[in-house]
């Protein structure tokens, strides 16, 4: 394999702690140069195949975390809507 992943960076939102994105850089063993950063396919985004960086277990854990974060966000939205309805009843 001429190109191999050598750097994998995951970014999280500094306010919410939610996953913002990731990128990978590859190293070309033929030209002996590093490539540009490429987006990684996380959360439905297109990009460098996550399976080429992480094992199946690690990929599954990351996807489970994304799902949990999505569910949490939906629950927070529902909670705020319920709070607003309760506040309106107190008027």
N, C-alpha and C. Protein backbone atom coordinates (compact mmCIF):
# COMPACT_ATOMS: atom_id res chain seq x y z
N UNK A 1 0.85 -1.18 0.00
CA UNK A 1 0.00 0.00 0.00
C UNK A 1 0.89 1.24 0.00
N UNK A 2 0.71 2.07 -1.01
CA UNK A 2 1.54 3.26 -1.13
C UNK A 2 1.14 4.34 -0.13
N UNK A 3 -0.16 4.53 0.05
CA UNK A 3 -0.64 5.55 0.99
C UNK A 3 -1.20 4.90 2.24
N UNK A 4 -0.73 5.38 3.37
CA UNK A 4 -1.21 4.85 4.65
C UNK A 4 -1.64 6.01 5.55
N UNK A 5 -2.72 5.83 6.30
CA UNK A 5 -3.12 6.87 7.24
C UNK A 5 -2.04 7.04 8.31
N UNK A 6 -1.69 8.27 8.62
CA UNK A 6 -0.71 8.49 9.68
C UNK A 6 -1.20 9.49 10.73
N UNK A 7 -2.26 10.23 10.45
CA UNK A 7 -2.79 11.18 11.44
C UNK A 7 -4.31 11.15 11.37
N UNK A 8 -4.94 11.03 12.53
CA UNK A 8 -6.39 11.01 12.62
C UNK A 8 -6.78 12.00 13.71
N UNK A 9 -7.55 13.02 13.35
CA UNK A 9 -7.93 14.06 14.29
C UNK A 9 -9.44 14.14 14.38
N UNK A 10 -9.95 14.10 15.61
CA UNK A 10 -11.38 14.23 15.85
C UNK A 10 -11.59 15.52 16.62
N UNK A 11 -12.56 16.31 16.19
CA UNK A 11 -12.87 17.57 16.86
C UNK A 11 -14.25 17.50 17.50
N UNK A 12 -14.31 18.07 18.71
CA UNK A 12 -15.57 18.17 19.43
C UNK A 12 -15.89 19.63 19.65
N UNK A 13 -17.17 19.96 19.72
CA UNK A 13 -17.59 21.32 19.99
C UNK A 13 -17.17 21.68 21.41
N UNK A 14 -16.47 22.78 21.57
CA UNK A 14 -15.93 23.14 22.89
C UNK A 14 -17.01 23.57 23.87
N UNK A 15 -18.20 23.91 23.40
CA UNK A 15 -19.29 24.30 24.30
C UNK A 15 -20.20 23.14 24.65
N UNK A 16 -20.50 22.30 23.67
CA UNK A 16 -21.46 21.22 23.89
C UNK A 16 -20.81 19.85 24.11
N UNK A 17 -19.59 19.70 23.66
CA UNK A 17 -18.92 18.41 23.75
C UNK A 17 -19.34 17.44 22.67
N UNK A 18 -20.19 17.90 21.74
CA UNK A 18 -20.65 17.02 20.66
C UNK A 18 -19.61 16.94 19.55
N UNK A 19 -19.61 15.82 18.88
CA UNK A 19 -18.69 15.59 17.78
C UNK A 19 -18.94 16.60 16.67
N UNK A 20 -17.89 17.30 16.23
CA UNK A 20 -18.02 18.27 15.13
C UNK A 20 -17.54 17.69 13.81
N UNK A 21 -16.52 16.86 13.84
CA UNK A 21 -16.00 16.30 12.61
C UNK A 21 -14.64 15.66 12.83
N UNK A 22 -14.08 15.15 11.76
CA UNK A 22 -12.78 14.49 11.85
C UNK A 22 -12.08 14.58 10.50
N UNK A 23 -10.77 14.48 10.55
CA UNK A 23 -10.02 14.40 9.30
C UNK A 23 -8.85 13.43 9.48
N UNK A 24 -8.35 12.99 8.36
CA UNK A 24 -7.21 12.08 8.35
C UNK A 24 -6.20 12.61 7.34
N UNK A 25 -4.94 12.41 7.64
CA UNK A 25 -3.87 12.69 6.68
C UNK A 25 -3.22 11.35 6.36
N UNK A 26 -2.83 11.21 5.12
CA UNK A 26 -2.16 9.99 4.70
C UNK A 26 -0.71 10.31 4.34
N UNK A 27 0.12 9.30 4.43
CA UNK A 27 1.52 9.44 4.05
C UNK A 27 1.75 8.54 2.85
N UNK A 28 2.35 9.08 1.81
CA UNK A 28 2.64 8.32 0.61
C UNK A 28 4.05 7.77 0.72
N UNK A 29 4.17 6.45 0.83
CA UNK A 29 5.47 5.81 1.00
C UNK A 29 6.31 5.80 -0.27
N UNK A 30 5.68 6.10 -1.40
CA UNK A 30 6.42 6.14 -2.66
C UNK A 30 7.08 7.51 -2.82
N UNK A 31 6.29 8.57 -2.67
CA UNK A 31 6.83 9.92 -2.85
C UNK A 31 7.46 10.45 -1.57
N UNK A 32 7.22 9.74 -0.44
CA UNK A 32 7.76 10.13 0.87
C UNK A 32 7.23 11.51 1.29
N UNK A 33 5.95 11.77 0.98
CA UNK A 33 5.32 13.04 1.34
C UNK A 33 3.98 12.78 2.01
N UNK A 34 3.60 13.73 2.87
CA UNK A 34 2.27 13.62 3.47
C UNK A 34 1.25 14.29 2.57
N UNK A 35 0.05 13.75 2.59
CA UNK A 35 -1.02 14.32 1.78
C UNK A 35 -1.79 15.37 2.55
N UNK A 36 -2.72 16.02 1.87
CA UNK A 36 -3.59 17.01 2.50
C UNK A 36 -4.58 16.31 3.42
N UNK A 37 -5.11 17.06 4.37
CA UNK A 37 -6.14 16.52 5.27
C UNK A 37 -7.40 16.22 4.46
N UNK A 38 -8.01 15.08 4.76
CA UNK A 38 -9.25 14.67 4.11
C UNK A 38 -10.33 14.47 5.17
N UNK A 39 -11.54 14.90 4.87
CA UNK A 39 -12.65 14.65 5.78
C UNK A 39 -12.84 13.15 5.93
N UNK A 40 -13.37 12.76 7.07
CA UNK A 40 -13.64 11.35 7.35
C UNK A 40 -15.14 11.14 7.33
N UNK A 41 -15.59 10.01 6.80
CA UNK A 41 -17.02 9.73 6.73
C UNK A 41 -17.56 9.36 8.11
N UNK A 42 -18.05 10.38 8.80
CA UNK A 42 -18.65 10.21 10.12
C UNK A 42 -20.02 10.87 10.09
N UNK A 43 -20.99 10.21 10.69
CA UNK A 43 -22.32 10.78 10.78
C UNK A 43 -22.97 11.05 9.44
N UNK A 44 -22.70 10.17 8.48
CA UNK A 44 -23.33 10.33 7.17
C UNK A 44 -22.55 11.22 6.22
N UNK A 45 -21.51 11.88 6.71
CA UNK A 45 -20.70 12.73 5.83
C UNK A 45 -19.85 11.86 4.91
N UNK A 46 -19.60 12.35 3.71
CA UNK A 46 -18.73 11.60 2.81
C UNK A 46 -17.29 11.97 3.10
N UNK A 47 -16.40 11.08 2.77
CA UNK A 47 -14.99 11.35 2.99
C UNK A 47 -14.19 10.07 3.06
N UNK A 48 -13.02 10.15 3.67
CA UNK A 48 -12.12 9.02 3.81
C UNK A 48 -12.84 7.91 4.59
N UNK A 49 -12.79 6.68 4.14
CA UNK A 49 -13.50 5.59 4.83
C UNK A 49 -13.00 5.38 6.26
N UNK A 50 -13.89 5.54 7.20
CA UNK A 50 -13.55 5.38 8.61
C UNK A 50 -13.02 3.98 8.88
N UNK A 51 -13.50 3.00 8.13
CA UNK A 51 -13.08 1.61 8.34
C UNK A 51 -11.60 1.39 8.02
N UNK A 52 -10.98 2.31 7.30
CA UNK A 52 -9.55 2.19 7.01
C UNK A 52 -8.69 2.75 8.13
N UNK A 53 -9.35 3.40 9.10
CA UNK A 53 -8.61 3.99 10.21
C UNK A 53 -8.83 3.21 11.50
N UNK A 54 -10.09 2.86 11.74
CA UNK A 54 -10.47 2.23 12.99
C UNK A 54 -10.90 0.79 12.78
N UNK A 55 -10.83 0.00 13.85
CA UNK A 55 -11.33 -1.36 13.78
C UNK A 55 -12.85 -1.34 13.79
N UNK A 56 -13.46 -2.46 13.54
CA UNK A 56 -14.91 -2.57 13.55
C UNK A 56 -15.47 -2.19 14.92
N UNK A 57 -14.82 -2.60 15.97
CA UNK A 57 -15.29 -2.29 17.33
C UNK A 57 -15.21 -0.79 17.59
N UNK A 58 -14.11 -0.17 17.22
CA UNK A 58 -13.97 1.27 17.43
C UNK A 58 -14.97 2.05 16.59
N UNK A 59 -15.18 1.62 15.35
CA UNK A 59 -16.15 2.28 14.48
C UNK A 59 -17.55 2.16 15.07
N UNK A 60 -17.89 0.97 15.54
CA UNK A 60 -19.20 0.75 16.16
C UNK A 60 -19.40 1.63 17.38
N UNK A 61 -18.37 1.76 18.19
CA UNK A 61 -18.46 2.60 19.39
C UNK A 61 -18.66 4.07 19.01
N UNK A 62 -17.96 4.53 18.00
CA UNK A 62 -18.10 5.92 17.56
C UNK A 62 -19.50 6.17 17.00
N UNK A 63 -20.00 5.23 16.22
CA UNK A 63 -21.34 5.38 15.67
C UNK A 63 -22.40 5.33 16.77
N UNK A 64 -22.19 4.48 17.78
CA UNK A 64 -23.12 4.41 18.91
C UNK A 64 -23.12 5.73 19.68
N UNK A 65 -21.94 6.33 19.82
CA UNK A 65 -21.84 7.62 20.50
C UNK A 65 -22.60 8.69 19.72
N UNK A 66 -22.44 8.72 18.40
CA UNK A 66 -23.16 9.69 17.57
C UNK A 66 -24.67 9.51 17.73
N UNK A 67 -25.12 8.25 17.74
CA UNK A 67 -26.55 7.97 17.89
C UNK A 67 -27.04 8.46 19.25
N UNK A 68 -26.27 8.19 20.29
CA UNK A 68 -26.65 8.62 21.64
C UNK A 68 -26.71 10.15 21.73
N UNK A 69 -25.76 10.83 21.10
CA UNK A 69 -25.77 12.29 21.12
C UNK A 69 -26.98 12.83 20.38
N UNK A 70 -27.35 12.19 19.29
CA UNK A 70 -28.52 12.61 18.53
C UNK A 70 -29.80 12.41 19.36
N UNK A 71 -29.89 11.27 20.03
CA UNK A 71 -31.05 10.99 20.88
C UNK A 71 -31.12 11.98 22.04
N UNK A 72 -29.98 12.30 22.63
CA UNK A 72 -29.94 13.25 23.73
C UNK A 72 -30.42 14.63 23.27
N UNK A 73 -29.97 15.05 22.10
CA UNK A 73 -30.39 16.35 21.57
C UNK A 73 -31.91 16.37 21.35
N UNK A 74 -32.46 15.28 20.85
CA UNK A 74 -33.91 15.21 20.64
C UNK A 74 -34.66 15.26 21.97
N UNK A 75 -34.13 14.58 22.98
CA UNK A 75 -34.76 14.59 24.30
C UNK A 75 -34.69 15.98 24.93
N UNK A 76 -33.57 16.66 24.73
CA UNK A 76 -33.44 18.02 25.26
C UNK A 76 -34.46 18.95 24.61
N UNK A 77 -34.65 18.79 23.30
CA UNK A 77 -35.64 19.60 22.59
C UNK A 77 -37.04 19.32 23.12
N UNK A 78 -37.37 18.06 23.31
CA UNK A 78 -38.68 17.69 23.83
C UNK A 78 -38.86 18.22 25.25
N UNK A 79 -37.82 18.16 26.05
CA UNK A 79 -37.87 18.64 27.43
C UNK A 79 -38.14 20.14 27.45
N UNK A 80 -37.45 20.89 26.61
CA UNK A 80 -37.66 22.34 26.56
C UNK A 80 -39.07 22.68 26.10
N UNK A 81 -39.60 21.90 25.15
CA UNK A 81 -40.96 22.13 24.69
C UNK A 81 -41.96 21.88 25.82
N UNK A 82 -41.74 20.84 26.59
CA UNK A 82 -42.61 20.54 27.73
C UNK A 82 -42.52 21.63 28.78
N UNK A 83 -41.34 22.11 29.04
CA UNK A 83 -41.17 23.20 30.01
C UNK A 83 -41.92 24.45 29.56
N UNK A 84 -41.84 24.73 28.25
CA UNK A 84 -42.54 25.90 27.72
C UNK A 84 -44.06 25.74 27.86
N UNK A 85 -44.57 24.53 27.61
CA UNK A 85 -45.99 24.27 27.77
C UNK A 85 -46.42 24.42 29.23
N UNK A 86 -45.62 23.92 30.15
CA UNK A 86 -45.93 24.06 31.58
C UNK A 86 -45.90 25.52 32.02
N UNK A 87 -44.95 26.25 31.51
CA UNK A 87 -44.84 27.66 31.85
C UNK A 87 -46.07 28.41 31.34
N UNK A 88 -46.56 28.05 30.17
CA UNK A 88 -47.75 28.70 29.61
C UNK A 88 -48.99 28.40 30.44
N UNK A 89 -49.05 27.24 31.06
CA UNK A 89 -50.19 26.85 31.90
C UNK A 89 -50.22 27.63 33.21
N UNK A 90 -49.07 28.10 33.67
CA UNK A 90 -48.96 28.81 34.93
C UNK A 90 -49.44 30.26 34.80
N UNK A 91 -49.60 30.74 33.61
CA UNK A 91 -49.98 32.14 33.39
C UNK A 91 -51.38 32.42 33.82
